[in-house]
Each structure stands twice: as C-alpha cells, then as structure tokens.
PDB file of all heavy atoms in Angstrom:
ATOM      1  N   LEU A   1     121.045 113.692 118.954  1.00  0.00           N
ATOM      2  CA  LEU A   1     120.635 114.699 117.888  1.00  0.00           C
ATOM      3  C   LEU A   1     120.284 114.029 116.584  1.00  0.00           C
ATOM      4  O   LEU A   1     119.380 114.398 115.933  1.00  0.00           O
ATOM      5  CB  LEU A   1     121.810 115.670 117.706  1.00  0.00           C
ATOM      6  CG  LEU A   1     121.467 117.064 117.117  1.00  0.00           C
ATOM      7  CD1 LEU A   1     120.406 117.722 117.956  1.00  0.00           C
ATOM      8  CD2 LEU A   1     122.684 117.886 116.967  1.00  0.00           C
ATOM      9  N   VAL A   2     121.110 112.989 116.244  1.00  0.00           N
ATOM     10  CA  VAL A   2     120.820 112.258 114.984  1.00  0.00           C
ATOM     11  C   VAL A   2     119.516 111.558 115.079  1.00  0.00           C
ATOM     12  O   VAL A   2     118.695 111.589 114.152  1.00  0.00           O
ATOM     13  CB  VAL A   2     121.968 111.198 114.783  1.00  0.00           C
ATOM     14  CG1 VAL A   2     121.571 110.246 113.638  1.00  0.00           C
ATOM     15  CG2 VAL A   2     123.262 111.950 114.345  1.00  0.00           C
ATOM     16  N   ILE A   3     119.178 110.980 116.238  1.00  0.00           N
ATOM     17  CA  ILE A   3     117.911 110.287 116.464  1.00  0.00           C
ATOM     18  C   ILE A   3     116.764 111.268 116.369  1.00  0.00           C
ATOM     19  O   ILE A   3     115.695 111.010 115.782  1.00  0.00           O
ATOM     20  CB  ILE A   3     117.887 109.536 117.797  1.00  0.00           C
ATOM     21  CG1 ILE A   3     118.893 108.386 117.759  1.00  0.00           C
ATOM     22  CG2 ILE A   3     116.532 108.982 118.106  1.00  0.00           C
ATOM     23  CD1 ILE A   3     119.087 107.637 119.101  1.00  0.00           C
ATOM     24  N   CYS A   4     116.897 112.465 116.996  1.00  0.00           N
ATOM     25  CA  CYS A   4     115.807 113.397 117.094  1.00  0.00           C
ATOM     26  C   CYS A   4     115.703 114.198 115.812  1.00  0.00           C
ATOM     27  O   CYS A   4     114.672 114.929 115.662  1.00  0.00           O
ATOM     28  CB  CYS A   4     116.025 114.370 118.229  1.00  0.00           C
ATOM     29  SG  CYS A   4     115.962 113.509 119.837  1.00  0.00           S
ATOM     30  N   THR A   5     116.654 114.182 114.894  1.00  0.00           N
ATOM     31  CA  THR A   5     116.494 114.942 113.661  1.00  0.00           C
ATOM     32  C   THR A   5     116.477 114.076 112.452  1.00  0.00           C
ATOM     33  O   THR A   5     115.390 113.838 111.947  1.00  0.00           O
ATOM     34  CB  THR A   5     117.686 115.937 113.589  1.00  0.00           C
ATOM     35  OG1 THR A   5     118.988 115.241 113.629  1.00  0.00           O
ATOM     36  CG2 THR A   5     117.644 116.991 114.645  1.00  0.00           C
ATOM     37  N   LEU A   6     117.567 113.517 112.084  1.00  0.00           N
ATOM     38  CA  LEU A   6     117.623 112.708 110.803  1.00  0.00           C
ATOM     39  C   LEU A   6     116.744 111.487 110.888  1.00  0.00           C
ATOM     40  O   LEU A   6     115.955 111.236 109.947  1.00  0.00           O
ATOM     41  CB  LEU A   6     119.052 112.255 110.530  1.00  0.00           C
ATOM     42  CG  LEU A   6     120.100 113.418 110.307  1.00  0.00           C
ATOM     43  CD1 LEU A   6     121.416 112.854 109.920  1.00  0.00           C
ATOM     44  CD2 LEU A   6     119.669 114.366 109.225  1.00  0.00           C
ATOM     45  N   PHE A   7     116.817 110.737 111.967  1.00  0.00           N
ATOM     46  CA  PHE A   7     115.979 109.557 112.117  1.00  0.00           C
ATOM     47  C   PHE A   7     114.550 109.894 112.180  1.00  0.00           C
ATOM     48  O   PHE A   7     113.668 109.311 111.528  1.00  0.00           O
ATOM     49  CB  PHE A   7     116.435 108.680 113.215  1.00  0.00           C
ATOM     50  CG  PHE A   7     115.652 107.470 113.475  1.00  0.00           C
ATOM     51  CD1 PHE A   7     115.759 106.338 112.651  1.00  0.00           C
ATOM     52  CD2 PHE A   7     114.697 107.380 114.497  1.00  0.00           C
ATOM     53  CE1 PHE A   7     114.989 105.239 112.748  1.00  0.00           C
ATOM     54  CE2 PHE A   7     113.929 106.243 114.666  1.00  0.00           C
ATOM     55  CZ  PHE A   7     114.081 105.171 113.836  1.00  0.00           C
ATOM     56  N   LEU A   8     114.182 110.831 113.099  1.00  0.00           N
ATOM     57  CA  LEU A   8     112.788 111.222 113.259  1.00  0.00           C
ATOM     58  C   LEU A   8     112.196 111.779 111.974  1.00  0.00           C
ATOM     59  O   LEU A   8     111.057 111.502 111.597  1.00  0.00           O
ATOM     60  CB  LEU A   8     112.667 112.232 114.399  1.00  0.00           C
ATOM     61  CG  LEU A   8     111.240 112.711 114.734  1.00  0.00           C
ATOM     62  CD1 LEU A   8     110.372 111.514 115.125  1.00  0.00           C
ATOM     63  CD2 LEU A   8     111.323 113.757 115.843  1.00  0.00           C
ATOM     64  N   ASP A   9     112.972 112.652 111.314  1.00  0.00           N
ATOM     65  CA  ASP A   9     112.522 113.212 110.011  1.00  0.00           C
ATOM     66  C   ASP A   9     112.191 112.127 109.014  1.00  0.00           C
ATOM     67  O   ASP A   9     111.184 112.170 108.311  1.00  0.00           O
ATOM     68  CB  ASP A   9     113.607 114.192 109.455  1.00  0.00           C
ATOM     69  CG  ASP A   9     113.696 115.458 110.215  1.00  0.00           C
ATOM     70  OD1 ASP A   9     112.879 115.655 111.131  1.00  0.00           O
ATOM     71  OD2 ASP A   9     114.655 116.258 109.965  1.00  0.00           O
ATOM     72  N   SER A  10     113.092 111.169 108.913  1.00  0.00           N
ATOM     73  CA  SER A  10     112.897 110.077 107.967  1.00  0.00           C
ATOM     74  C   SER A  10     111.647 109.295 108.292  1.00  0.00           C
ATOM     75  O   SER A  10     110.878 108.881 107.359  1.00  0.00           O
ATOM     76  CB  SER A  10     114.097 109.123 107.900  1.00  0.00           C
ATOM     77  OG  SER A  10     114.265 108.470 109.148  1.00  0.00           O
ATOM     78  N   VAL A  11     111.325 109.039 109.542  1.00  0.00           N
ATOM     79  CA  VAL A  11     110.169 108.356 109.946  1.00  0.00           C
ATOM     80  C   VAL A  11     108.906 109.128 109.623  1.00  0.00           C
ATOM     81  O   VAL A  11     107.903 108.629 109.063  1.00  0.00           O
ATOM     82  CB  VAL A  11     110.211 108.015 111.438  1.00  0.00           C
ATOM     83  CG1 VAL A  11     108.830 107.475 111.957  1.00  0.00           C
ATOM     84  CG2 VAL A  11     111.289 107.005 111.769  1.00  0.00           C
ATOM     85  N   LEU A  12     108.931 110.527 109.894  1.00  0.00           N
ATOM     86  CA  LEU A  12     107.804 111.291 109.549  1.00  0.00           C
ATOM     87  C   LEU A  12     107.569 111.438 108.088  1.00  0.00           C
ATOM     88  O   LEU A  12     106.405 111.450 107.637  1.00  0.00           O
ATOM     89  CB  LEU A  12     107.992 112.670 110.231  1.00  0.00           C
ATOM     90  CG  LEU A  12     108.003 112.751 111.739  1.00  0.00           C
ATOM     91  CD1 LEU A  12     108.256 114.120 112.221  1.00  0.00           C
ATOM     92  CD2 LEU A  12     106.620 112.304 112.289  1.00  0.00           C
ATOM     93  N   ILE A  13     108.626 111.452 107.329  1.00  0.00           N
ATOM     94  CA  ILE A  13     108.522 111.469 105.868  1.00  0.00           C
ATOM     95  C   ILE A  13     107.874 110.179 105.356  1.00  0.00           C
ATOM     96  O   ILE A  13     106.948 110.176 104.481  1.00  0.00           O
ATOM     97  CB  ILE A  13     109.865 111.672 105.183  1.00  0.00           C
ATOM     98  CG1 ILE A  13     110.343 113.132 105.482  1.00  0.00           C
ATOM     99  CG2 ILE A  13     109.804 111.469 103.716  1.00  0.00           C
ATOM    100  CD1 ILE A  13     111.786 113.375 105.000  1.00  0.00           C
ATOM    101  N   LEU A  14     108.252 109.033 105.939  1.00  0.00           N
ATOM    102  CA  LEU A  14     107.707 107.779 105.558  1.00  0.00           C
ATOM    103  C   LEU A  14     106.229 107.730 105.921  1.00  0.00           C
ATOM    104  O   LEU A  14     105.358 107.231 105.139  1.00  0.00           O
ATOM    105  CB  LEU A  14     108.471 106.634 106.320  1.00  0.00           C
ATOM    106  CG  LEU A  14     107.959 105.198 106.030  1.00  0.00           C
ATOM    107  CD1 LEU A  14     108.088 104.912 104.562  1.00  0.00           C
ATOM    108  CD2 LEU A  14     108.730 104.202 106.884  1.00  0.00           C
ATOM    109  N   ILE A  15     105.869 108.203 107.106  1.00  0.00           N
ATOM    110  CA  ILE A  15     104.424 108.183 107.509  1.00  0.00           C
ATOM    111  C   ILE A  15     103.617 109.078 106.579  1.00  0.00           C
ATOM    112  O   ILE A  15     102.527 108.738 106.186  1.00  0.00           O
ATOM    113  CB  ILE A  15     104.315 108.735 108.968  1.00  0.00           C
ATOM    114  CG1 ILE A  15     104.928 107.648 109.963  1.00  0.00           C
ATOM    115  CG2 ILE A  15     102.836 108.967 109.330  1.00  0.00           C
ATOM    116  CD1 ILE A  15     104.970 108.185 111.371  1.00  0.00           C
ATOM    117  N   SER A  16     104.196 110.234 106.161  1.00  0.00           N
ATOM    118  CA  SER A  16     103.450 111.127 105.282  1.00  0.00           C
ATOM    119  C   SER A  16     103.211 110.460 103.939  1.00  0.00           C
ATOM    120  O   SER A  16     102.085 110.582 103.391  1.00  0.00           O
ATOM    121  CB  SER A  16     104.267 112.412 105.032  1.00  0.00           C
ATOM    122  OG  SER A  16     105.420 112.212 104.312  1.00  0.00           O
ATOM    123  N   TYR A  17     104.118 109.664 103.435  1.00  0.00           N
ATOM    124  CA  TYR A  17     103.950 109.020 102.149  1.00  0.00           C
ATOM    125  C   TYR A  17     102.963 107.807 102.284  1.00  0.00           C
ATOM    126  O   TYR A  17     102.233 107.482 101.383  1.00  0.00           O
ATOM    127  CB  TYR A  17     105.268 108.541 101.592  1.00  0.00           C
ATOM    128  CG  TYR A  17     105.886 109.650 100.699  1.00  0.00           C
ATOM    129  CD1 TYR A  17     106.862 110.471 101.161  1.00  0.00           C
ATOM    130  CD2 TYR A  17     105.391 109.839  99.390  1.00  0.00           C
ATOM    131  CE1 TYR A  17     107.348 111.508 100.369  1.00  0.00           C
ATOM    132  CE2 TYR A  17     105.885 110.864  98.608  1.00  0.00           C
ATOM    133  CZ  TYR A  17     106.851 111.672  99.090  1.00  0.00           C
ATOM    134  OH  TYR A  17     107.329 112.614  98.260  1.00  0.00           O
ATOM    135  N   ILE A  18     102.887 107.207 103.433  1.00  0.00           N
ATOM    136  CA  ILE A  18     101.942 106.157 103.670  1.00  0.00           C
ATOM    137  C   ILE A  18     100.510 106.767 103.628  1.00  0.00           C
ATOM    138  O   ILE A  18      99.603 106.252 102.944  1.00  0.00           O
ATOM    139  CB  ILE A  18     102.184 105.432 104.983  1.00  0.00           C
ATOM    140  CG1 ILE A  18     103.439 104.621 104.953  1.00  0.00           C
ATOM    141  CG2 ILE A  18     100.986 104.575 105.342  1.00  0.00           C
ATOM    142  CD1 ILE A  18     103.884 104.019 106.295  1.00  0.00           C
ATOM    143  N   LEU A  19     100.352 107.881 104.245  1.00  0.00           N
ATOM    144  CA  LEU A  19      99.064 108.606 104.255  1.00  0.00           C
ATOM    145  C   LEU A  19      98.741 109.111 102.862  1.00  0.00           C
ATOM    146  O   LEU A  19      97.610 109.112 102.379  1.00  0.00           O
ATOM    147  CB  LEU A  19      99.099 109.803 105.234  1.00  0.00           C
ATOM    148  CG  LEU A  19      99.247 109.350 106.683  1.00  0.00           C
ATOM    149  CD1 LEU A  19      99.364 110.593 107.582  1.00  0.00           C
ATOM    150  CD2 LEU A  19      98.040 108.535 107.128  1.00  0.00           C
ATOM    151  N   ILE A  20      99.762 109.518 102.035  1.00  0.00           N
ATOM    152  CA  ILE A  20      99.531 110.040 100.730  1.00  0.00           C
ATOM    153  C   ILE A  20      99.059 108.930  99.875  1.00  0.00           C
ATOM    154  O   ILE A  20      98.102 109.002  99.102  1.00  0.00           O
ATOM    155  CB  ILE A  20     100.759 110.679 100.172  1.00  0.00           C
ATOM    156  CG1 ILE A  20     101.077 112.081 100.811  1.00  0.00           C
ATOM    157  CG2 ILE A  20     100.714 110.869  98.656  1.00  0.00           C
ATOM    158  CD1 ILE A  20     102.400 112.658 100.429  1.00  0.00           C
ATOM    159  N   LEU A  21      99.729 107.732  99.976  1.00  0.00           N
ATOM    160  CA  LEU A  21      99.339 106.544  99.182  1.00  0.00           C
ATOM    161  C   LEU A  21      97.942 106.135  99.546  1.00  0.00           C
ATOM    162  O   LEU A  21      97.111 105.777  98.664  1.00  0.00           O
ATOM    163  CB  LEU A  21     100.303 105.398  99.423  1.00  0.00           C
ATOM    164  CG  LEU A  21     101.652 105.498  98.704  1.00  0.00           C
ATOM    165  CD1 LEU A  21     102.573 104.359  99.134  1.00  0.00           C
ATOM    166  CD2 LEU A  21     101.429 105.432  97.125  1.00  0.00           C
ATOM    167  N   HIS A  22      97.569 106.157 100.826  1.00  0.00           N
ATOM    168  CA  HIS A  22      96.241 105.790 101.207  1.00  0.00           C
ATOM    169  C   HIS A  22      95.198 106.697 100.601  1.00  0.00           C
ATOM    170  O   HIS A  22      94.132 106.260 100.209  1.00  0.00           O
ATOM    171  CB  HIS A  22      96.160 105.808 102.826  1.00  0.00           C
ATOM    172  CG  HIS A  22      94.865 105.385 103.310  1.00  0.00           C
ATOM    173  ND1 HIS A  22      93.820 106.347 103.609  1.00  0.00           N
ATOM    174  CD2 HIS A  22      94.345 104.186 103.624  1.00  0.00           C
ATOM    175  CE1 HIS A  22      92.771 105.710 104.071  1.00  0.00           C
ATOM    176  NE2 HIS A  22      93.043 104.368 104.079  1.00  0.00           N
ATOM    177  N   SER A  23      95.516 108.010 100.604  1.00  0.00           N
ATOM    178  CA  SER A  23      94.583 108.956 100.045  1.00  0.00           C
ATOM    179  C   SER A  23      94.476 108.803  98.526  1.00  0.00           C
ATOM    180  O   SER A  23      93.419 108.907  97.947  1.00  0.00           O
ATOM    181  CB  SER A  23      95.054 110.381 100.358  1.00  0.00           C
ATOM    182  OG  SER A  23      94.209 111.321  99.844  1.00  0.00           O
ATOM    183  N   VAL A  24      95.588 108.580  97.858  1.00  0.00           N
ATOM    184  CA  VAL A  24      95.632 108.391  96.384  1.00  0.00           C
ATOM    185  C   VAL A  24      94.915 107.154  95.953  1.00  0.00           C
ATOM    186  O   VAL A  24      94.148 107.189  94.949  1.00  0.00           O
ATOM    187  CB  VAL A  24      97.065 108.387  95.832  1.00  0.00           C
ATOM    188  CG1 VAL A  24      97.145 107.909  94.364  1.00  0.00           C
ATOM    189  CG2 VAL A  24      97.759 109.716  96.045  1.00  0.00           C
ATOM    190  N   LEU A  25      95.071 106.063  96.678  1.00  0.00           N
ATOM    191  CA  LEU A  25      94.363 104.803  96.317  1.00  0.00           C
ATOM    192  C   LEU A  25      92.855 104.920  96.475  1.00  0.00           C
ATOM    193  O   LEU A  25      92.135 104.102  95.870  1.00  0.00           O
ATOM    194  CB  LEU A  25      94.895 103.667  97.152  1.00  0.00           C
ATOM    195  CG  LEU A  25      96.359 103.265  96.889  1.00  0.00           C
ATOM    196  CD1 LEU A  25      96.787 102.226  97.829  1.00  0.00           C
ATOM    197  CD2 LEU A  25      96.504 102.829  95.480  1.00  0.00           C
ATOM    198  N   ALA A  26      92.426 105.906  97.233  1.00  0.00           N
ATOM    199  CA  ALA A  26      90.935 106.135  97.378  1.00  0.00           C
ATOM    200  C   ALA A  26      90.378 106.943  96.219  1.00  0.00           C
ATOM    201  O   ALA A  26      89.132 106.973  96.106  1.00  0.00           O
ATOM    202  CB  ALA A  26      90.698 106.853  98.722  1.00  0.00           C
ATOM    203  N   ILE A  27      91.234 107.432  95.391  1.00  0.00           N
ATOM    204  CA  ILE A  27      90.683 108.145  94.220  1.00  0.00           C
ATOM    205  C   ILE A  27      90.196 107.092  93.184  1.00  0.00           C
ATOM    206  O   ILE A  27      90.968 106.227  92.786  1.00  0.00           O
ATOM    207  CB  ILE A  27      91.773 109.018  93.561  1.00  0.00           C
ATOM    208  CG1 ILE A  27      92.282 110.082  94.621  1.00  0.00           C
ATOM    209  CG2 ILE A  27      91.321 109.783  92.356  1.00  0.00           C
ATOM    210  CD1 ILE A  27      93.466 110.886  94.151  1.00  0.00           C
ATOM    211  N   ALA A  28      89.092 107.388  92.647  1.00  0.00           N
ATOM    212  CA  ALA A  28      88.451 106.419  91.717  1.00  0.00           C
ATOM    213  C   ALA A  28      89.170 106.447  90.309  1.00  0.00           C
ATOM    214  O   ALA A  28      89.444 105.424  89.746  1.00  0.00           O
ATOM    215  CB  ALA A  28      86.968 106.763  91.528  1.00  0.00           C
ATOM    216  N   SER A  29      89.506 107.604  89.810  1.00  0.00           N
ATOM    217  CA  SER A  29      90.088 107.711  88.520  1.00  0.00           C
ATOM    218  C   SER A  29      91.603 107.392  88.509  1.00  0.00           C
ATOM    219  O   SER A  29      92.361 107.925  89.325  1.00  0.00           O
ATOM    220  CB  SER A  29      89.885 109.166  87.950  1.00  0.00           C
ATOM    221  OG  SER A  29      90.694 109.364  86.822  1.00  0.00           O
ATOM    222  N   GLN A  30      91.978 106.409  87.637  1.00  0.00           N
ATOM    223  CA  GLN A  30      93.428 106.069  87.573  1.00  0.00           C
ATOM    224  C   GLN A  30      94.239 107.233  87.117  1.00  0.00           C
ATOM    225  O   GLN A  30      95.421 107.447  87.537  1.00  0.00           O
ATOM    226  CB  GLN A  30      93.558 104.864  86.689  1.00  0.00           C
ATOM    227  CG  GLN A  30      94.960 104.325  86.608  1.00  0.00           C
ATOM    228  CD  GLN A  30      95.105 103.044  85.843  1.00  0.00           C
ATOM    229  OE1 GLN A  30      94.132 102.528  85.339  1.00  0.00           O
ATOM    230  NE2 GLN A  30      96.336 102.507  85.687  1.00  0.00           N
ATOM    231  N   GLU A  31      93.681 108.003  86.214  1.00  0.00           N
ATOM    232  CA  GLU A  31      94.406 109.129  85.642  1.00  0.00           C
ATOM    233  C   GLU A  31      94.705 110.148  86.796  1.00  0.00           C
ATOM    234  O   GLU A  31      95.837 110.749  86.852  1.00  0.00           O
ATOM    235  CB  GLU A  31      93.607 109.810  84.544  1.00  0.00           C
ATOM    236  CG  GLU A  31      94.315 110.984  83.870  1.00  0.00           C
ATOM    237  CD  GLU A  31      93.500 111.652  82.758  1.00  0.00           C
ATOM    238  OE1 GLU A  31      92.475 110.997  82.321  1.00  0.00           O
ATOM    239  OE2 GLU A  31      93.908 112.736  82.315  1.00  0.00           O
ATOM    240  N   GLU A  32      93.763 110.380  87.643  1.00  0.00           N
ATOM    241  CA  GLU A  32      93.933 111.293  88.754  1.00  0.00           C
ATOM    242  C   GLU A  32      94.904 110.777  89.772  1.00  0.00           C
ATOM    243  O   GLU A  32      95.659 111.479  90.359  1.00  0.00           O
ATOM    244  CB  GLU A  32      92.564 111.575  89.449  1.00  0.00           C
ATOM    245  CG  GLU A  32      91.667 112.449  88.671  1.00  0.00           C
ATOM    246  CD  GLU A  32      92.238 113.884  88.398  1.00  0.00           C
ATOM    247  OE1 GLU A  32      92.853 114.408  89.338  1.00  0.00           O
ATOM    248  OE2 GLU A  32      92.128 114.362  87.229  1.00  0.00           O
TER     249      GLU A  32
END
C-alpha cells in the first residue's frame, strides 16, 4: 500500500515537475 500510494504519488509528482520545468524553460520571456 505504501509503494502504491505514497511512493507512486511522489514519483508522479516528481515527473509532473520535470514536465513543468521543461515547459517553463521553453518560454522565451524570463519574466514569464
């Protein structure tokens, strides 16, 4: 249960932030 909830959730959160950073770095404006 710990593996399928807490651990899996943390991995998915990490993946979402990697994708967010990838998307943000593609923005030309530093302010944006």
